[in-house]
Each structure stands twice: as structure tokens, then as C-alpha cells.
Amino acid sequence: RNTPRGSRVAEIAIRPADAHDLDRATSVCLRSKAFWGYDDAFMAACREELTLTPGDLNDLVLVACSGSDILGIIQLSRSDEIVEIEKLFIDPVAMRRGLGRRLLGEAIDKAVGPGVRAIRAEADPQAVPFYTAMGFSRVGEAPSGSIRGRKLPVLLREL
């Protein structure tokens, strides 16, 4: 892979995902989740939930690209007054460069419209510091969609 380790966030283009991006975006989701040290059994249990499908493109899905490499992915859906972050993953080679902040900001700008009062995320516990830094507050927990008995932090940012 020719992922540009030294590239800056400003050199990364953010654009809507298309069907040709789904496999590479899924790979980013899986690499990002695995970065936190989860074992093979955990990753296998999460694979389906982390896999992007053509149906996901009915939501707002943006990818952050450097050349042909996808370095980040965000998926947002909307129900009534809430925008839900379905996925937000950054390739480990691009972490800690402000890409998550930029991707989230651009997605929110595109997804938030009249009547939206909050943005909600059910996040991996490892992501709580990021969301807190982005103005989210922890408001509860929800069952994992992949791991039976596991609870995920629920975070909310009022608009």
C-alpha cells in the first residue's frame, strides 16, 4: 500500500462515497477497530456490522482520500430530530492528524438541516475522548450490535 504517512490533512479530499469505495472503506473500518488491540474472535464478531453495503449509500457516507487511498470514513443517518453517527473510522496510519475532526465537521455540515437538534453516537469506548473533545457528552449506554452482553457508550451533542 502506498499510504502517504507524511501527508497533511489539508492534502486529503473528502467526498461522497460510491459503490466502488465500499470494500476499501470497509477495510479502513476493520483496520481502525483492530488498532485498539481487539482479538480475532472479537473482530470476526464485528465484521458484519463494520462492513459497508450498497444500502449504506442511502445514508450520507463520506470518505477522506489521499490519491486513491481511503484514509477515513463517516456514515450519518437521520431520524426526525437526531443525526446518528453510524460509522466513523480513521485508518491507523492517518490517526492523530485531525482527520476525524475534519471528517466529522464536514459530515455534520452536510447532514444537519432544519429541525435537527442533536447528533448521537454509540461509540467504541476507545473513541469517547475524541467525541468529548468534539463537544459530545456521555448520556448513557446501549447494547453492542455485534457482541452479546457488551455495552457501548452513548454520546450526544446538542445543536
Protein backbone atom coordinates (compact mmCIF):
# COMPACT_ATOMS: atom_id res chain seq x y z
CA ARG A 1 0.00 0.00 0.00
CA ASN A 2 1.19 3.46 -0.80
CA THR A 3 -0.47 5.28 2.07
CA PRO A 4 1.28 8.64 2.38
CA ARG A 5 2.38 8.66 6.01
CA GLY A 6 3.59 12.23 5.85
CA SER A 7 0.56 13.73 4.14
CA ARG A 8 -1.25 16.53 5.90
CA VAL A 9 -4.98 16.68 6.45
CA ALA A 10 -5.22 19.65 4.07
CA GLU A 11 -3.98 17.40 1.24
CA ILE A 12 -6.83 14.96 1.82
CA ALA A 13 -10.01 15.29 -0.21
CA ILE A 14 -13.37 14.49 1.39
CA ARG A 15 -16.06 13.34 -0.99
CA PRO A 16 -19.26 11.28 -1.06
CA ALA A 17 -18.62 7.55 -1.18
CA ASP A 18 -19.78 5.48 -4.12
CA ALA A 19 -20.19 1.75 -4.71
CA HIS A 20 -16.56 1.43 -5.83
CA ASP A 21 -15.40 2.63 -2.39
CA LEU A 22 -17.29 0.11 -0.25
CA ASP A 23 -14.61 -2.62 0.03
CA ARG A 24 -11.78 -0.17 0.71
CA ALA A 25 -13.88 1.78 3.21
CA THR A 26 -14.79 -1.47 4.98
CA SER A 27 -11.07 -2.29 5.20
CA VAL A 28 -10.48 1.08 6.89
CA CYS A 29 -13.24 0.29 9.42
CA LEU A 30 -11.70 -3.10 10.21
CA ARG A 31 -8.11 -1.79 10.47
CA SER A 32 -9.23 1.08 12.68
CA LYS A 33 -11.17 -1.20 15.05
CA ALA A 34 -8.32 -3.74 15.19
CA PHE A 35 -5.86 -0.95 16.05
CA TRP A 36 -7.24 -0.96 19.60
CA GLY A 37 -5.98 -4.49 20.23
CA TYR A 38 -9.18 -6.49 19.86
CA ASP A 39 -8.60 -10.21 19.29
CA ASP A 40 -9.56 -12.22 16.21
CA ALA A 41 -12.80 -13.53 17.74
CA PHE A 42 -13.94 -10.00 18.60
CA MET A 43 -13.06 -8.76 15.12
CA ALA A 44 -14.90 -11.67 13.49
CA ALA A 45 -18.00 -10.84 15.57
CA CYS A 46 -17.82 -7.20 14.44
CA ARG A 47 -17.13 -7.86 10.75
CA GLU A 48 -20.76 -7.70 9.57
CA GLU A 49 -21.52 -4.51 11.49
CA LEU A 50 -18.36 -2.84 10.13
CA THR A 51 -18.98 -3.87 6.51
CA LEU A 52 -20.37 -1.19 4.22
CA THR A 53 -23.03 -2.34 1.78
CA PRO A 54 -24.69 -0.64 -1.19
CA GLY A 55 -27.69 0.05 1.08
CA ASP A 56 -25.49 2.17 3.34
CA LEU A 57 -25.15 4.65 0.47
CA ASN A 58 -28.77 5.68 1.18
CA ASP A 59 -27.24 7.47 4.20
CA LEU A 60 -24.67 10.23 3.99
CA VAL A 61 -21.35 8.42 3.58
CA LEU A 62 -18.18 10.44 3.09
CA VAL A 63 -14.66 9.18 2.52
CA ALA A 64 -11.41 11.01 3.14
CA CYS A 65 -8.93 10.22 0.38
CA SER A 66 -5.31 10.84 -0.40
CA GLY A 67 -4.95 9.93 -4.05
CA SER A 68 -6.67 6.57 -4.43
CA ASP A 69 -6.21 5.64 -0.75
CA ILE A 70 -9.18 5.92 1.58
CA LEU A 71 -7.95 7.10 4.98
CA GLY A 72 -11.27 7.77 6.71
CA ILE A 73 -14.98 7.04 6.52
CA ILE A 74 -18.06 8.52 8.14
CA GLN A 75 -21.67 7.42 7.79
CA LEU A 76 -24.54 9.52 9.14
CA SER A 77 -28.26 8.77 9.16
CA ARG A 78 -31.13 10.98 10.24
CA SER A 79 -34.30 10.17 12.10
CA ASP A 80 -36.54 13.08 12.98
CA GLU A 81 -34.53 15.49 15.15
CA ILE A 82 -31.40 13.34 15.55
CA VAL A 83 -28.44 12.75 13.24
CA GLU A 84 -26.87 9.40 14.12
CA ILE A 85 -23.20 8.63 13.53
CA GLU A 86 -23.35 5.08 12.18
CA LYS A 87 -19.64 4.78 11.44
CA LEU A 88 -16.59 6.98 11.92
CA PHE A 89 -13.25 5.30 11.34
CA ILE A 90 -9.78 6.58 10.53
CA ASP A 91 -7.04 4.35 9.13
CA PRO A 92 -4.36 3.90 11.82
CA VAL A 93 -1.72 5.42 9.50
CA ALA A 94 -3.72 8.68 9.50
CA MET A 95 -4.76 8.85 13.16
CA ARG A 96 -3.93 11.86 15.35
CA ARG A 97 -3.71 14.33 12.45
CA GLY A 98 -7.10 15.99 12.78
CA LEU A 99 -8.72 13.90 10.07
CA GLY A 100 -11.51 12.61 12.32
CA ARG A 101 -12.32 16.15 13.39
CA ARG A 102 -12.37 17.36 9.77
CA LEU A 103 -14.43 14.41 8.52
CA LEU A 104 -16.98 14.80 11.33
CA GLY A 105 -17.22 18.55 10.74
CA GLU A 106 -17.85 18.22 7.01
CA ALA A 107 -20.39 15.44 7.52
CA ILE A 108 -22.29 17.44 10.12
CA ASP A 109 -22.33 20.48 7.81
CA LYS A 110 -23.94 18.33 5.11
CA ALA A 111 -26.34 16.35 7.34
CA VAL A 112 -27.67 18.92 9.76
CA GLY A 113 -30.67 20.79 8.50
CA PRO A 114 -33.86 22.33 9.82
CA GLY A 115 -35.33 20.51 12.77
CA VAL A 116 -32.16 18.65 13.77
CA ARG A 117 -31.48 19.24 17.45
CA ALA A 118 -28.65 16.79 18.21
CA ILE A 119 -26.02 14.41 16.92
CA ARG A 120 -25.81 10.99 18.58
CA ALA A 121 -23.19 8.25 18.55
CA GLU A 122 -22.92 4.80 20.06
CA ALA A 123 -19.15 4.69 20.25
CA ASP A 124 -16.38 2.27 20.99
CA PRO A 125 -15.08 3.05 24.49
CA GLN A 126 -11.71 3.94 22.89
CA ALA A 127 -13.42 6.77 20.96
CA VAL A 128 -15.00 8.53 23.96
CA PRO A 129 -12.10 11.03 24.39
CA PHE A 130 -12.42 12.04 20.72
CA TYR A 131 -16.16 12.61 20.99
CA THR A 132 -15.78 14.51 24.26
CA ALA A 133 -13.21 16.78 22.59
CA MET A 134 -15.75 17.33 19.78
CA GLY A 135 -18.39 18.62 22.22
CA PHE A 136 -20.30 15.42 22.90
CA SER A 137 -21.48 14.37 26.37
CA ARG A 138 -21.96 10.83 27.54
CA VAL A 139 -25.68 10.28 28.13
CA GLY A 140 -25.95 6.54 28.67
CA GLU A 141 -25.12 3.20 27.15
CA ALA A 142 -26.58 0.86 24.56
CA PRO A 143 -26.11 -2.82 23.75
CA SER A 144 -23.49 -3.63 21.12
CA GLY A 145 -24.88 -4.74 17.79
CA SER A 146 -22.09 -7.32 17.48
CA ILE A 147 -21.00 -8.57 20.91
CA ARG A 148 -23.65 -10.09 23.16
CA GLY A 149 -23.58 -8.55 26.66
CA ARG A 150 -21.25 -5.69 25.67
CA LYS A 151 -22.43 -2.14 26.33
CA LEU A 152 -21.33 0.87 24.32
CA PRO A 153 -21.22 4.47 25.50
CA VAL A 154 -23.92 6.70 24.01
CA LEU A 155 -22.79 10.25 23.32
CA LEU A 156 -24.85 13.27 22.35
CA ARG A 157 -24.04 16.73 21.07
CA GLU A 158 -26.88 19.21 21.29
CA LEU A 159 -27.03 21.75 18.46
